[in-house]
Structures are given as C-alpha cells and as structure tokens.
Amino acid sequence: MWLAAFEKGTVSVSSVTDHASFLIDARRAAATYLRSVESHFPKSATAYLQDAARSYDRAIAHLVALRALFGEAEPDLS
C-alpha cells in the first residue's frame, strides 16, 4: 500500500508515522508471543519459533527506520 502511494505520489506523510507505530507494536507483540509460547511446544519447534520471532524483529527495525524518516519536517520521499 505504501509502495503504491510512493509510486503514485499520493503518500500521506502525516499518516506514515501513525501506521508505522501501529505496525511496530503489532510486530513486537507477535515476537513476544512467539518467544513466550516456545516452552509449550516440542523442542523440534524451537528453532522455527525463534526464527519467526527474529523475522518480526527485522521487520520492526525497518519500520522504526521508516518512521524516523517521516519524523523530519520535510522528509525526502525519494
């Protein structure tokens, strides 16, 4: 959705920080959940759960970077 808005030049700068913050919170909750339920699954699932949680961590890092770009007074949309 954001990519299409960037390509069309219709991105709403004021909305990006709110959307990114929402997604950061959601991904953080998902990663926390996966880590908290790890002990309830067979040991064979541990690596998969940890990998999934790390994937959320990477998504969070990208979203934090995106949110930071839009914290500037005049973001460089390119």
C-alpha atoms as a PDB file:
ATOM      1  CA  MET A   1       0.000   0.000   0.000  1.00  0.00           C
ATOM      2  CA  TRP A   2       2.775   2.419   0.929  1.00  0.00           C
ATOM      3  CA  LEU A   3       4.845   1.471  -2.095  1.00  0.00           C
ATOM      4  CA  ALA A   4       1.900   2.159  -4.401  1.00  0.00           C
ATOM      5  CA  ALA A   5       1.325   5.516  -2.701  1.00  0.00           C
ATOM      6  CA  PHE A   6       5.000   6.430  -3.118  1.00  0.00           C
ATOM      7  CA  GLU A   7       4.923   5.439  -6.774  1.00  0.00           C
ATOM      8  CA  LYS A   8       1.743   7.449  -7.405  1.00  0.00           C
ATOM      9  CA  GLY A   9       2.992  10.410  -5.351  1.00  0.00           C
ATOM     10  CA  THR A  10      -0.038  10.219  -3.079  1.00  0.00           C
ATOM     11  CA  VAL A  11       1.654   9.146   0.143  1.00  0.00           C
ATOM     12  CA  SER A  12       0.194  10.866   3.194  1.00  0.00           C
ATOM     13  CA  VAL A  13       3.215  11.973   5.191  1.00  0.00           C
ATOM     14  CA  SER A  14       1.137  12.652   8.279  1.00  0.00           C
ATOM     15  CA  SER A  15      -0.195   9.070   8.322  1.00  0.00           C
ATOM     16  CA  VAL A  16       3.068   7.185   7.916  1.00  0.00           C
ATOM     17  CA  THR A  17       4.309   7.662  11.483  1.00  0.00           C
ATOM     18  CA  ASP A  18       0.976   6.506  12.934  1.00  0.00           C
ATOM     19  CA  HIS A  19       0.793   3.488  10.638  1.00  0.00           C
ATOM     20  CA  ALA A  20       4.414   2.555  11.297  1.00  0.00           C
ATOM     21  CA  SER A  21       3.911   2.863  15.060  1.00  0.00           C
ATOM     22  CA  PHE A  22       0.852   0.609  14.906  1.00  0.00           C
ATOM     23  CA  LEU A  23       2.748  -1.992  12.885  1.00  0.00           C
ATOM     24  CA  ILE A  24       5.768  -1.798  15.210  1.00  0.00           C
ATOM     25  CA  ASP A  25       3.542  -2.502  18.205  1.00  0.00           C
ATOM     26  CA  ALA A  26       1.805  -5.382  16.416  1.00  0.00           C
ATOM     27  CA  ARG A  27       5.064  -6.995  15.276  1.00  0.00           C
ATOM     28  CA  ARG A  28       6.612  -6.545  18.729  1.00  0.00           C
ATOM     29  CA  ALA A  29       3.597  -8.253  20.306  1.00  0.00           C
ATOM     30  CA  ALA A  30       3.866 -11.125  17.825  1.00  0.00           C
ATOM     31  CA  ALA A  31       7.582 -11.606  18.525  1.00  0.00           C
ATOM     32  CA  THR A  32       6.965 -11.508  22.280  1.00  0.00           C
ATOM     33  CA  TYR A  33       4.161 -14.031  21.937  1.00  0.00           C
ATOM     34  CA  LEU A  34       6.292 -16.450  19.923  1.00  0.00           C
ATOM     35  CA  ARG A  35       9.049 -16.270  22.500  1.00  0.00           C
ATOM     36  CA  SER A  36       6.635 -16.738  25.393  1.00  0.00           C
ATOM     37  CA  VAL A  37       4.997 -19.882  23.984  1.00  0.00           C
ATOM     38  CA  GLU A  38       8.227 -21.561  22.988  1.00  0.00           C
ATOM     39  CA  SER A  39       8.269 -23.760  26.089  1.00  0.00           C
ATOM     40  CA  HIS A  40       4.798 -25.111  25.257  1.00  0.00           C
ATOM     41  CA  PHE A  41       5.961 -26.695  22.005  1.00  0.00           C
ATOM     42  CA  PRO A  42       8.240 -29.654  21.282  1.00  0.00           C
ATOM     43  CA  LYS A  43      11.948 -28.868  21.147  1.00  0.00           C
ATOM     44  CA  SER A  44      11.816 -29.501  17.400  1.00  0.00           C
ATOM     45  CA  ALA A  45       9.743 -26.321  17.017  1.00  0.00           C
ATOM     46  CA  THR A  46      12.132 -24.068  18.958  1.00  0.00           C
ATOM     47  CA  ALA A  47      14.315 -23.063  16.018  1.00  0.00           C
ATOM     48  CA  TYR A  48      11.261 -22.248  13.897  1.00  0.00           C
ATOM     49  CA  LEU A  49       9.660 -20.126  16.608  1.00  0.00           C
ATOM     50  CA  GLN A  50      12.922 -18.278  17.229  1.00  0.00           C
ATOM     51  CA  ASP A  51      13.411 -17.693  13.500  1.00  0.00           C
ATOM     52  CA  ALA A  52       9.875 -16.320  13.194  1.00  0.00           C
ATOM     53  CA  ALA A  53      10.438 -14.010  16.171  1.00  0.00           C
ATOM     54  CA  ARG A  54      13.699 -12.769  14.633  1.00  0.00           C
ATOM     55  CA  SER A  55      11.825 -12.097  11.379  1.00  0.00           C
ATOM     56  CA  TYR A  56       9.460  -9.852  13.308  1.00  0.00           C
ATOM     57  CA  ASP A  57      12.483  -8.160  14.921  1.00  0.00           C
ATOM     58  CA  ARG A  58      13.866  -7.377  11.454  1.00  0.00           C
ATOM     59  CA  ALA A  59      10.507  -6.002  10.319  1.00  0.00           C
ATOM     60  CA  ILE A  60      10.409  -3.820  13.428  1.00  0.00           C
ATOM     61  CA  ALA A  61      13.860  -2.419  12.637  1.00  0.00           C
ATOM     62  CA  HIS A  62      12.746  -1.474   9.119  1.00  0.00           C
ATOM     63  CA  LEU A  63       9.539   0.103  10.399  1.00  0.00           C
ATOM     64  CA  VAL A  64      11.457   2.104  13.011  1.00  0.00           C
ATOM     65  CA  ALA A  65      13.732   3.392  10.247  1.00  0.00           C
ATOM     66  CA  LEU A  66      10.721   4.288   8.094  1.00  0.00           C
ATOM     67  CA  ARG A  67       9.049   6.101  10.986  1.00  0.00           C
ATOM     68  CA  ALA A  68      12.262   8.035  11.646  1.00  0.00           C
ATOM     69  CA  LEU A  69      12.337   9.255   8.039  1.00  0.00           C
ATOM     70  CA  PHE A  70       8.922  10.794   8.484  1.00  0.00           C
ATOM     71  CA  GLY A  71       9.795  12.399  11.790  1.00  0.00           C
ATOM     72  CA  GLU A  72      11.691  15.042   9.862  1.00  0.00           C
ATOM     73  CA  ALA A  73       9.978  18.322   8.983  1.00  0.00           C
ATOM     74  CA  GLU A  74      10.405  17.721   5.264  1.00  0.00           C
ATOM     75  CA  PRO A  75      11.099  14.040   4.560  1.00  0.00           C
ATOM     76  CA  ASP A  76      12.986  13.041   1.452  1.00  0.00           C
ATOM     77  CA  LEU A  77      10.343  10.887  -0.244  1.00  0.00           C
ATOM     78  CA  SER A  78      12.748   9.659  -2.891  1.00  0.00           C
END
